[in-house]
Protein backbone atom coordinates (compact mmCIF):
# COMPACT_ATOMS: atom_id res chain seq x y z
CA MET A 1 26.75 -12.92 -61.70
CA SER A 2 24.36 -11.22 -63.86
CA TYR A 3 24.37 -7.52 -64.31
CA ASN A 4 20.67 -7.27 -63.22
CA SER A 5 21.31 -8.81 -59.72
CA TYR A 6 24.44 -6.77 -58.90
CA GLN A 7 25.95 -3.42 -59.94
CA ASN A 8 29.58 -3.53 -59.09
CA HIS A 9 31.16 -0.26 -58.59
CA GLN A 10 34.92 0.06 -58.23
CA GLN A 11 35.74 2.84 -55.50
CA GLY A 12 38.94 2.60 -53.87
CA GLY A 13 39.35 -1.19 -54.32
CA ARG A 14 36.02 -2.00 -52.66
CA VAL A 15 32.93 -3.47 -54.23
CA HIS A 16 29.49 -2.31 -53.03
CA LYS A 17 26.36 -4.42 -53.55
CA GLN A 18 23.71 -1.87 -54.19
CA PRO A 19 20.61 -4.15 -54.13
CA TYR A 20 21.15 -5.14 -50.42
CA ASN A 21 21.44 -1.52 -49.48
CA GLN A 22 18.24 -0.82 -51.42
CA ARG A 23 16.36 -3.75 -49.63
CA GLU A 24 17.64 -2.69 -46.20
CA SER A 25 16.57 1.14 -46.82
CA SER A 26 13.24 0.03 -48.25
CA SER A 27 12.56 -2.15 -44.98
CA ASN A 28 13.37 0.68 -42.74
CA PHE A 29 11.19 3.07 -44.72
CA GLN A 30 8.26 0.45 -44.44
CA GLN A 31 8.75 0.24 -40.68
CA ASN A 32 8.88 3.91 -40.20
CA PHE A 33 5.74 4.09 -42.33
CA ASP A 34 3.84 1.55 -40.50
CA HIS A 35 4.94 3.32 -37.14
CA GLN A 36 3.52 6.59 -38.52
CA LEU A 37 0.25 4.97 -39.48
CA ALA A 38 -0.05 3.40 -36.21
CA SER A 39 0.53 6.48 -34.35
CA GLN A 40 -1.83 8.43 -36.44
CA ASP A 41 -4.66 5.87 -35.85
CA LYS A 42 -4.01 6.14 -32.34
CA LYS A 43 -4.38 9.83 -32.18
CA GLN A 44 -7.46 9.73 -34.25
CA ALA A 45 -9.03 7.14 -32.05
CA PHE A 46 -8.86 9.52 -29.05
CA ARG A 47 -9.48 12.85 -30.68
CA ARG A 48 -13.13 13.90 -29.87
CA THR A 49 -14.60 16.74 -32.12
CA VAL A 50 -17.82 18.50 -32.01
CA ASP A 51 -19.39 19.41 -35.24
CA HIS A 52 -22.08 22.21 -35.03
CA GLY A 53 -22.23 23.22 -38.65
CA ASN A 54 -24.35 20.16 -40.14
CA ASN A 55 -27.39 20.44 -37.89
CA MET A 56 -27.54 24.28 -38.12
CA ALA A 57 -27.41 24.13 -41.94
CA ARG A 58 -30.18 21.33 -41.98
CA TRP A 59 -32.24 23.56 -39.62
CA PHE A 60 -32.12 26.61 -41.81
CA ILE A 61 -32.90 24.52 -44.93
CA GLU A 62 -35.95 23.14 -43.38
CA LYS A 63 -37.03 26.47 -42.06
CA SER A 64 -36.75 27.80 -45.54
CA ILE A 65 -38.97 25.20 -47.10
CA GLY A 66 -41.57 25.58 -44.39
CA VAL A 67 -40.68 22.62 -42.23
CA ASN A 68 -40.59 23.09 -38.33
CA THR A 69 -41.30 26.83 -38.39
CA ARG A 70 -44.30 27.02 -36.09
CA HIS A 71 -43.74 24.03 -33.92
CA GLN A 72 -41.01 23.06 -31.57
CA GLN A 73 -39.11 19.81 -31.82
CA HIS A 74 -40.80 17.26 -29.72
CA ILE A 75 -38.49 15.63 -27.11
CA GLY A 76 -39.21 12.16 -28.17
CA ALA A 77 -38.15 12.72 -31.68
CA VAL A 78 -34.29 12.78 -30.96
CA ARG A 79 -33.87 10.11 -28.34
CA PRO A 80 -34.91 6.64 -29.45
CA GLU A 81 -31.85 5.36 -31.31
CA SER A 82 -28.58 6.57 -32.79
CA SER A 83 -29.94 6.93 -36.18
CA TYR A 84 -31.86 9.85 -34.96
CA LEU A 85 -28.70 12.03 -34.64
CA ILE A 86 -29.72 13.57 -38.04
CA ASP A 87 -32.80 15.07 -35.89
CA LEU A 88 -30.48 16.55 -33.23
CA LEU A 89 -31.15 20.19 -33.97
CA PRO A 90 -29.11 23.28 -32.72
CA SER A 91 -29.87 24.78 -29.47
CA LEU A 92 -31.49 27.79 -31.15
CA ALA A 93 -34.36 25.31 -32.42
CA TYR A 94 -35.20 24.17 -28.76
CA SER A 95 -35.18 27.87 -27.25
CA SER A 96 -38.69 28.88 -26.11
CA SER A 97 -37.83 32.53 -27.06
CA PHE A 98 -37.63 31.81 -30.91
CA ASN A 99 -40.39 29.55 -31.37
CA LEU A 100 -43.73 31.30 -32.62
CA ASN A 101 -46.14 28.69 -31.04
CA ARG A 102 -45.67 29.22 -27.34
CA ARG A 103 -48.15 26.77 -26.38
CA ASN A 104 -45.86 23.97 -27.35
CA ASN A 105 -43.49 25.26 -24.67
CA LYS A 106 -45.17 23.46 -21.88
CA ASN A 107 -42.20 20.81 -22.13
CA ASN A 108 -38.93 22.59 -21.24
CA LEU A 109 -36.87 21.73 -24.19
CA GLY A 110 -33.78 23.19 -22.45
CA ALA A 111 -33.34 19.66 -21.10
CA LEU A 112 -31.90 18.67 -24.37
CA ASP A 113 -29.15 21.07 -24.17
CA LEU A 114 -27.72 20.30 -20.69
CA GLU A 115 -24.01 20.19 -21.25
CA THR A 116 -23.29 16.76 -19.35
CA LYS A 117 -20.44 15.09 -21.34
CA LEU A 118 -16.62 15.95 -21.03
CA VAL A 119 -15.27 16.58 -24.67
CA HIS A 120 -11.76 17.61 -24.09
CA LEU A 121 -9.25 18.95 -21.50
CA SER A 122 -6.80 21.80 -22.63
CA SER A 123 -3.90 22.91 -20.90
CA ASN A 124 -0.63 24.79 -21.65
CA LYS A 125 2.81 23.07 -21.40
CA VAL A 126 3.56 25.82 -18.71
CA LYS A 127 0.56 25.60 -16.52
CA HIS A 128 -0.96 28.71 -14.59
CA SER A 129 -4.25 29.29 -12.96
CA ILE A 130 -7.05 30.32 -15.17
CA ASN A 131 -9.25 33.24 -14.03
CA THR A 132 -11.33 34.08 -17.17
CA VAL A 133 -12.21 32.60 -20.52
CA LYS A 134 -14.10 33.96 -23.60
CA TRP A 135 -15.28 32.42 -26.97
CA THR A 136 -14.41 34.64 -29.92
CA PRO A 137 -17.66 36.26 -31.32
CA GLU A 138 -17.85 34.05 -34.18
CA GLY A 139 -17.38 30.99 -31.82
CA ARG A 140 -14.48 29.36 -33.60
CA ARG A 141 -11.92 29.65 -30.80
CA LEU A 142 -11.71 29.99 -27.16
CA LEU A 143 -9.61 32.70 -25.54
CA VAL A 144 -8.06 31.73 -22.33
CA ALA A 145 -6.43 34.43 -20.13
CA SER A 146 -3.94 32.93 -17.39
CA HIS A 147 -2.40 34.12 -14.09
CA SER A 148 0.79 34.67 -15.96
CA GLY A 149 -0.71 37.40 -18.26
CA GLU A 150 -0.90 35.25 -21.23
CA PHE A 151 -3.61 35.02 -23.85
CA THR A 152 -4.05 31.35 -25.36
CA LEU A 153 -6.28 30.46 -28.25
CA TRP A 154 -7.65 26.99 -28.55
CA ASN A 155 -9.62 25.58 -31.58
CA GLY A 156 -13.59 25.67 -30.85
CA MET A 157 -14.19 22.35 -32.76
CA THR A 158 -10.95 20.36 -32.61
CA PHE A 159 -9.93 21.87 -29.50
CA ASN A 160 -6.36 22.03 -30.77
CA PHE A 161 -3.72 24.66 -29.41
CA GLU A 162 -3.44 27.45 -31.89
CA THR A 163 -1.20 30.36 -30.38
CA ILE A 164 -0.17 31.95 -27.26
CA MET A 165 0.95 35.60 -26.52
CA GLN A 166 2.09 37.54 -23.65
CA ALA A 167 -0.75 40.24 -23.25
CA HIS A 168 -0.20 41.57 -19.65
CA GLU A 169 2.67 42.06 -17.36
CA SER A 170 0.36 40.93 -14.31
CA PRO A 171 -2.33 38.23 -13.81
CA ILE A 172 -5.37 38.88 -16.00
CA LEU A 173 -8.75 38.86 -14.09
CA THR A 174 -11.34 39.69 -16.69
CA MET A 175 -12.12 39.99 -20.26
CA GLN A 176 -14.88 41.26 -22.11
CA TYR A 177 -15.85 41.42 -25.77
CA SER A 178 -18.00 44.46 -27.27
CA ASN A 179 -21.63 43.94 -28.17
CA ASN A 180 -20.84 44.72 -31.77
CA ASP A 181 -18.00 41.95 -31.68
CA GLU A 182 -15.33 44.61 -32.60
CA TRP A 183 -13.44 45.17 -29.59
CA LEU A 184 -11.84 43.12 -26.55
CA LEU A 185 -11.11 44.71 -23.34
CA SER A 186 -8.92 43.00 -20.81
CA GLY A 187 -8.18 43.86 -17.17
CA ASP A 188 -5.25 42.72 -14.85
CA GLN A 189 -4.01 42.69 -11.30
CA ASN A 190 -2.52 46.06 -11.67
CA GLY A 191 -5.85 47.78 -12.47
CA THR A 192 -4.77 48.37 -16.17
CA VAL A 193 -7.35 47.92 -19.05
CA LYS A 194 -6.12 47.13 -22.55
CA TYR A 195 -8.07 47.55 -25.86
CA TRP A 196 -7.53 44.79 -28.35
CA GLN A 197 -8.75 44.48 -31.94
CA PRO A 198 -10.11 41.17 -33.16
CA ASN A 199 -6.56 40.18 -34.38
CA PHE A 200 -5.11 41.19 -30.82
CA ASN A 201 -3.52 44.13 -31.98
CA ASN A 202 -3.28 46.31 -28.70
CA VAL A 203 -4.34 49.84 -29.52
CA ASN A 204 -4.82 51.39 -26.16
CA ASN A 205 -4.03 51.12 -22.24
CA ILE A 206 -5.52 52.87 -19.36
CA THR A 207 -4.92 52.77 -15.74
CA ALA A 208 -8.61 52.13 -14.46
CA HIS A 209 -7.98 51.31 -10.91
CA SER A 210 -5.39 51.59 -8.25
CA ASN A 211 -5.76 47.86 -7.41
CA GLY A 212 -6.96 44.66 -9.08
CA LEU A 213 -9.54 45.07 -11.81
CA ARG A 214 -12.08 42.48 -11.24
CA ASP A 215 -14.97 42.81 -14.11
CA ILE A 216 -15.78 44.76 -17.41
CA ALA A 217 -19.00 45.21 -18.80
CA PHE A 218 -20.06 47.14 -21.90
CA SER A 219 -23.10 49.42 -22.32
CA PRO A 220 -25.85 48.34 -24.86
CA ASN A 221 -24.38 50.75 -27.55
CA ASP A 222 -20.78 50.12 -26.68
CA SER A 223 -20.19 53.87 -26.29
CA LYS A 224 -19.25 53.36 -22.65
CA PHE A 225 -17.87 50.63 -20.35
CA LEU A 226 -17.96 49.67 -16.79
CA THR A 227 -15.08 48.68 -14.60
CA CYS A 228 -15.05 47.58 -10.95
CA GLY A 229 -12.11 46.58 -8.72
CA ASP A 230 -10.52 46.04 -5.27
CA ASP A 231 -10.48 49.72 -4.33
CA SER A 232 -14.25 49.32 -3.80
CA MET A 233 -15.42 51.51 -6.77
CA LEU A 234 -17.23 51.21 -10.04
CA LYS A 235 -16.36 53.42 -12.62
CA ILE A 236 -17.87 54.33 -16.16
CA TRP A 237 -15.55 55.19 -19.05
CA ASN A 238 -16.06 56.72 -22.47
CA PHE A 239 -14.82 54.03 -24.79
CA SER A 240 -13.63 56.49 -27.69
CA ASN A 241 -11.27 58.44 -25.65
CA GLY A 242 -10.67 56.48 -22.65
CA GLN A 243 -11.70 59.02 -20.15
CA GLU A 244 -13.33 58.29 -16.82
CA GLU A 245 -16.97 60.00 -16.73
CA ARG A 246 -18.55 58.60 -13.37
CA THR A 247 -17.58 56.97 -10.35
CA LEU A 248 -20.05 54.95 -8.36
CA THR A 249 -19.14 54.78 -4.74
CA GLY A 250 -21.29 52.93 -1.91
CA HIS A 251 -19.50 49.68 -1.37
CA ASN A 252 -17.38 49.30 1.74
CA TRP A 253 -15.18 46.63 0.44
CA GLU A 254 -13.86 45.00 -2.82
CA VAL A 255 -16.16 44.95 -5.72
CA LYS A 256 -15.96 41.39 -7.09
CA SER A 257 -18.39 41.62 -10.22
CA ALA A 258 -20.46 44.12 -12.23
CA ASP A 259 -22.73 43.85 -15.16
CA TRP A 260 -24.54 46.28 -17.37
CA HIS A 261 -28.20 45.30 -18.47
CA PRO A 262 -28.48 44.62 -22.32
CA ASP A 263 -31.82 46.71 -22.59
CA LEU A 264 -32.46 48.82 -19.37
CA GLY A 265 -30.15 51.60 -18.07
CA LEU A 266 -29.35 49.42 -15.28
CA VAL A 267 -25.94 48.36 -13.70
CA VAL A 268 -25.51 45.78 -10.99
CA SER A 269 -22.46 45.04 -8.65
CA GLY A 270 -21.51 42.37 -6.08
CA SER A 271 -19.16 43.01 -3.42
CA LYS A 272 -17.08 41.42 -0.55
CA ASP A 273 -19.28 43.58 1.89
CA ASN A 274 -22.14 40.83 1.13
CA LEU A 275 -24.21 43.42 -0.82
CA VAL A 276 -25.73 43.48 -4.22
CA LYS A 277 -26.34 46.95 -5.54
CA LEU A 278 -28.30 48.31 -8.54
CA TRP A 279 -27.08 51.56 -10.09
CA ASP A 280 -28.62 54.14 -12.40
CA PRO A 281 -25.49 54.67 -14.61
CA ARG A 282 -26.81 58.20 -15.93
CA ALA A 283 -27.15 59.58 -12.35
CA SER A 284 -24.47 57.61 -10.53
CA GLN A 285 -26.88 56.88 -7.81
CA CYS A 286 -27.54 53.50 -5.99
CA ILE A 287 -31.39 52.80 -6.54
CA ALA A 288 -31.51 49.52 -4.67
CA THR A 289 -29.55 47.34 -2.34
CA LEU A 290 -30.16 43.67 -1.87
CA HIS A 291 -29.19 42.40 1.68
CA GLY A 292 -30.12 38.70 1.05
CA PHE A 293 -26.31 37.30 1.12
CA LYS A 294 -24.26 36.54 4.26
CA HIS A 295 -20.97 36.44 2.65
CA THR A 296 -18.82 37.63 -0.44
CA VAL A 297 -20.79 38.03 -3.46
CA ASN A 298 -18.50 36.54 -6.31
CA THR A 299 -20.53 36.78 -9.39
CA THR A 300 -23.85 38.88 -10.59
CA ARG A 301 -25.23 38.33 -14.14
CA PHE A 302 -28.31 39.76 -15.89
CA GLN A 303 -30.37 37.25 -17.99
CA PRO A 304 -29.28 37.55 -21.57
CA CYS A 305 -32.34 36.32 -23.42
CA GLY A 306 -36.06 35.76 -22.74
CA THR A 307 -37.71 38.60 -20.65
CA LYS A 308 -34.43 39.66 -19.56
CA ARG A 309 -35.82 40.74 -16.15
CA LEU A 310 -34.02 38.23 -13.80
CA LEU A 311 -30.74 38.75 -12.16
CA ALA A 312 -28.54 35.74 -10.83
CA SER A 313 -25.84 36.15 -7.96
CA VAL A 314 -23.81 33.61 -6.33
CA SER A 315 -22.02 34.02 -2.96
CA ARG A 316 -19.48 32.27 -0.80
CA ASP A 317 -22.54 31.65 1.66
CA ARG A 318 -23.21 28.46 -0.60
CA SER A 319 -26.32 30.01 -2.10
CA CYS A 320 -27.38 31.40 -5.51
CA ARG A 321 -30.27 33.87 -5.69
CA ILE A 322 -32.46 34.67 -8.75
CA PHE A 323 -33.80 38.16 -8.34
CA ASP A 324 -36.88 39.38 -10.23
CA LEU A 325 -36.24 43.10 -11.39
CA THR A 326 -40.05 43.56 -12.03
CA ALA A 327 -41.15 42.45 -8.53
CA MET A 328 -37.99 43.63 -6.71
CA LYS A 329 -37.57 40.49 -4.76
CA ASP A 330 -35.90 37.25 -4.78
CA MET A 331 -37.77 34.70 -6.95
CA LEU A 332 -35.68 31.60 -6.18
CA VAL A 333 -33.01 30.85 -3.64
CA ILE A 334 -30.80 27.96 -4.63
CA ARG A 335 -28.66 26.48 -1.76
CA ASP A 336 -25.53 24.21 -2.29
CA SER A 337 -24.95 22.46 1.01
CA GLU A 338 -21.61 21.29 0.01
CA THR A 339 -19.39 24.27 -0.56
CA ASP A 340 -19.09 28.09 -1.44
CA LEU A 341 -20.14 29.02 -5.04
CA SER A 342 -17.72 30.83 -7.24
CA CYS A 343 -19.33 31.79 -10.42
CA CYS A 344 -22.52 31.38 -12.69
CA ALA A 345 -23.46 31.52 -16.19
CA TRP A 346 -26.75 31.84 -18.05
CA HIS A 347 -27.42 29.93 -21.20
CA PRO A 348 -27.32 32.27 -24.30
CA LEU A 349 -30.54 30.95 -25.81
CA HIS A 350 -32.53 28.99 -23.01
CA ALA A 351 -33.75 31.68 -20.66
CA SER A 352 -34.46 29.20 -17.78
CA MET A 353 -31.24 27.41 -17.94
CA LEU A 354 -28.58 28.45 -15.26
CA THR A 355 -25.12 26.91 -14.60
CA THR A 356 -23.27 27.29 -11.25
CA ALA A 357 -19.75 26.31 -10.35
CA ALA A 358 -18.30 25.97 -6.68
CA PHE A 359 -14.70 26.12 -5.10
CA ASN A 360 -14.67 22.29 -4.82
CA GLY A 361 -14.71 21.89 -8.67
CA SER A 362 -18.31 20.79 -8.86
CA MET A 363 -21.01 22.07 -11.36
CA ASN A 364 -24.69 22.31 -11.25
CA HIS A 365 -27.33 22.81 -14.04
CA TYR A 366 -30.63 24.32 -13.10
CA LEU A 367 -33.82 24.87 -14.86
CA LEU A 368 -35.55 27.64 -13.22
CA ASN A 369 -39.07 26.99 -14.52
CA SER A 370 -38.82 23.33 -13.27
CA SER A 371 -40.64 24.53 -9.95
CA ILE A 372 -44.12 25.96 -9.99
CA LEU A 373 -45.49 27.75 -7.12
CA ASP A 374 -48.88 26.78 -5.79
CA SER A 375 -51.55 29.15 -6.99
CA ASN A 376 -52.94 29.58 -3.43
CA ASP A 377 -49.67 30.46 -2.09
CA ALA A 378 -49.29 33.19 -4.94
CA LYS A 379 -52.62 34.69 -4.09
CA LYS A 380 -51.61 35.30 -0.30
CA GLY A 381 -49.62 38.51 -1.25
CA ASN A 382 -46.27 39.44 -0.45
CA SER A 383 -46.59 39.26 3.49
CA SER A 384 -46.72 35.43 3.51
CA PHE A 385 -44.92 34.67 0.28
CA GLN A 386 -42.26 32.15 0.73
CA THR A 387 -39.23 32.24 -1.78
CA ALA A 388 -39.30 29.33 -3.88
CA SER A 389 -36.22 26.79 -4.26
CA ILE A 390 -35.39 23.97 -6.79
CA ASP A 391 -32.99 21.29 -7.05
CA ASN A 392 -30.27 20.78 -9.84
CA VAL A 393 -31.44 18.87 -12.80
CA HIS A 394 -27.63 17.56 -13.32
CA HIS A 395 -24.78 17.62 -11.18
CA ILE A 396 -21.13 17.07 -11.90
CA PRO A 397 -19.14 16.42 -8.70
CA TYR A 398 -15.64 16.47 -10.04
CA ALA A 399 -15.98 18.80 -13.10
CA HIS A 400 -12.52 20.23 -11.96
CA GLU A 401 -9.79 19.20 -9.27
CA LYS A 402 -10.00 22.59 -7.78
CA ALA A 403 -11.94 25.66 -7.63
CA ILE A 404 -13.70 26.84 -10.95
CA HIS A 405 -13.27 30.40 -11.72
CA ALA A 406 -14.81 30.99 -15.14
CA LEU A 407 -18.02 29.51 -17.03
CA GLU A 408 -18.57 30.51 -20.49
CA TYR A 409 -21.24 29.14 -23.03
CA HIS A 410 -20.57 29.14 -26.50
CA PRO A 411 -22.49 31.61 -28.71
CA MET A 412 -24.65 28.91 -30.39
CA GLY A 413 -25.26 27.39 -26.89
CA HIS A 414 -24.19 23.63 -27.63
CA LEU A 415 -20.88 23.86 -25.56
CA LEU A 416 -19.65 25.12 -22.36
CA CYS A 417 -16.15 25.90 -21.21
CA SER A 418 -14.95 25.97 -17.43
CA ALA A 419 -11.78 26.82 -16.14
CA GLY A 420 -9.90 27.34 -12.69
CA SER A 421 -7.27 26.75 -10.23
CA ASP A 422 -6.39 23.28 -11.71
CA LYS A 423 -4.84 25.12 -14.57
CA THR A 424 -6.92 23.53 -17.12
CA ALA A 425 -10.00 24.52 -19.51
CA ARG A 426 -12.63 21.79 -19.96
CA PHE A 427 -15.11 21.72 -22.83
CA TRP A 428 -18.60 20.04 -22.17
CA SER A 429 -21.24 19.25 -24.67
CA ARG A 430 -24.70 17.89 -24.77
CA ALA A 431 -25.23 14.01 -25.03
CA ARG A 432 -25.79 12.22 -28.35
CA PRO A 433 -29.26 10.18 -28.93
CA ASN A 434 -29.42 6.84 -27.53
CA ASP A 435 -26.33 7.38 -25.36
CA PRO A 436 -26.68 5.19 -22.38
CA MET A 437 -24.35 7.37 -20.39
CA ALA A 438 -26.06 10.69 -21.31
CA TRP A 439 -26.10 11.80 -17.66
CA LYS A 440 -23.19 10.29 -16.53
CA ASP A 441 -19.88 10.56 -18.44
CA ALA A 442 -17.10 7.85 -18.51
CA VAL A 443 -14.88 9.80 -16.45
CA TYR A 444 -17.42 9.25 -13.45
CA THR A 445 -17.96 5.77 -13.58
CA ASP A 446 -15.74 2.60 -12.78
CA ASP A 447 -15.56 1.72 -16.20
CA LYS A 448 -12.57 3.65 -16.92
CA ILE A 449 -10.26 2.12 -19.58
CA GLY A 450 -6.51 3.51 -19.32
CA ALA A 451 -4.95 5.99 -16.94
CA TRP A 452 -6.11 9.10 -19.03
CA TYR A 453 -9.46 9.16 -17.05
CA TYR A 454 -7.82 8.83 -13.69
CA ALA A 455 -5.30 11.48 -14.59
CA LEU A 456 -8.03 14.04 -15.22
CA ASN A 457 -8.84 14.45 -11.49
CA ASN A 458 -5.48 13.92 -10.13
CA ASN A 459 -5.86 9.99 -9.90
CA VAL A 460 -9.08 10.21 -7.84
CA ASN A 461 -11.71 7.80 -8.77
CA ALA A 462 -14.43 10.32 -9.20
CA VAL A 463 -17.57 8.14 -9.29
CA MET A 464 -21.11 9.82 -9.27
CA GLU A 465 -23.51 8.47 -6.54
CA GLU A 466 -26.43 6.59 -7.88
CA SER A 467 -29.51 8.88 -7.79
CA SER A 468 -32.36 7.39 -5.59
CA GLY A 469 -35.17 8.64 -7.90
């Protein structure tokens, strides 16, 4: 027997055959290596990412060399086939408020940015209901606040879990970043407000309300902030020293929502007493009361872009009202015949795009300028003026299994996050060119491959109805 075939080692009278052990360990290693490769391939196959860097960089390069500087992108230029993916520009390129040639805005390019596709579902191992979510100012992460008082950070591109921390001792009901992106305020069920730095270092705590704190809003210059709560009061605080400056009283029940106008000295609040009130924050006076709703007002939000003269409010009477601040009357009334509405969100770049969510887990996208009033009706005056109404441009019936409590658009406008009572946060994106299912995600068809699709909605075969039009 040759020395190269075996190496005999005398140990206690036993002879060990080394090459056989080497072949066995090599075989085991190869099996483990193949198993790891197979598992990695499997994970990569189901991982869906959203890359918003390339198209943004390409658009800025085109603008710097004088391409597409005065004309809007045409709708047909991005739809014919998949190779036109390179021409899919960021949301800012399609916003009517950014383009210089307004005459090209006869086509509402907000239709290109409707978030119709489910990208990812994120949930903690220990699941709790989610009341509010916020994108970090730079848009790299999503901050989720749960009913357990925990902050959870999710990656904004690959949607991986990053970290979790115990922020409050009671359920977190609201969060708000300052306009200069340097501070985060959070409010909980005990009425406590906490100051957070961008690295989530807690620097101050104040007891703002005697009961649950429902909403927080910063003033335009961030020197003050507004809180509202279940004690039926709104309070204005000095941000620097945390001292209360004014108390706005006038609601007769819990105040569910409040917002501070980004430009005007105007505050809005919505309450369980069915009223929406407009306030002057400097005089602590109610300057107008809107009586259109017949049930609890859940969310009130000022328009963040465009003319910034519209106010959206949703209520449990299954309606959403768009109030015109210049005319001081309702411009649109959007009615949902299925269930009560829970929250709404304006698109950060498209002034006419509004998204509403309901207690049955459904979502609707609206383009407010898709309905044009007849010129003869407009000339009749206020006495015979009928408030307009519009239909949704896209409807997702089973966006969540249960009620949706939070809607939050990405600062760049290409992603939408929703979260609610089913203890999950879901990411939605716009469809890609030549996508045959652009308006109907695979989750909502009978072509579900694998149990993952059914598990999204508690094993319900959530199939969208075919539209008649």
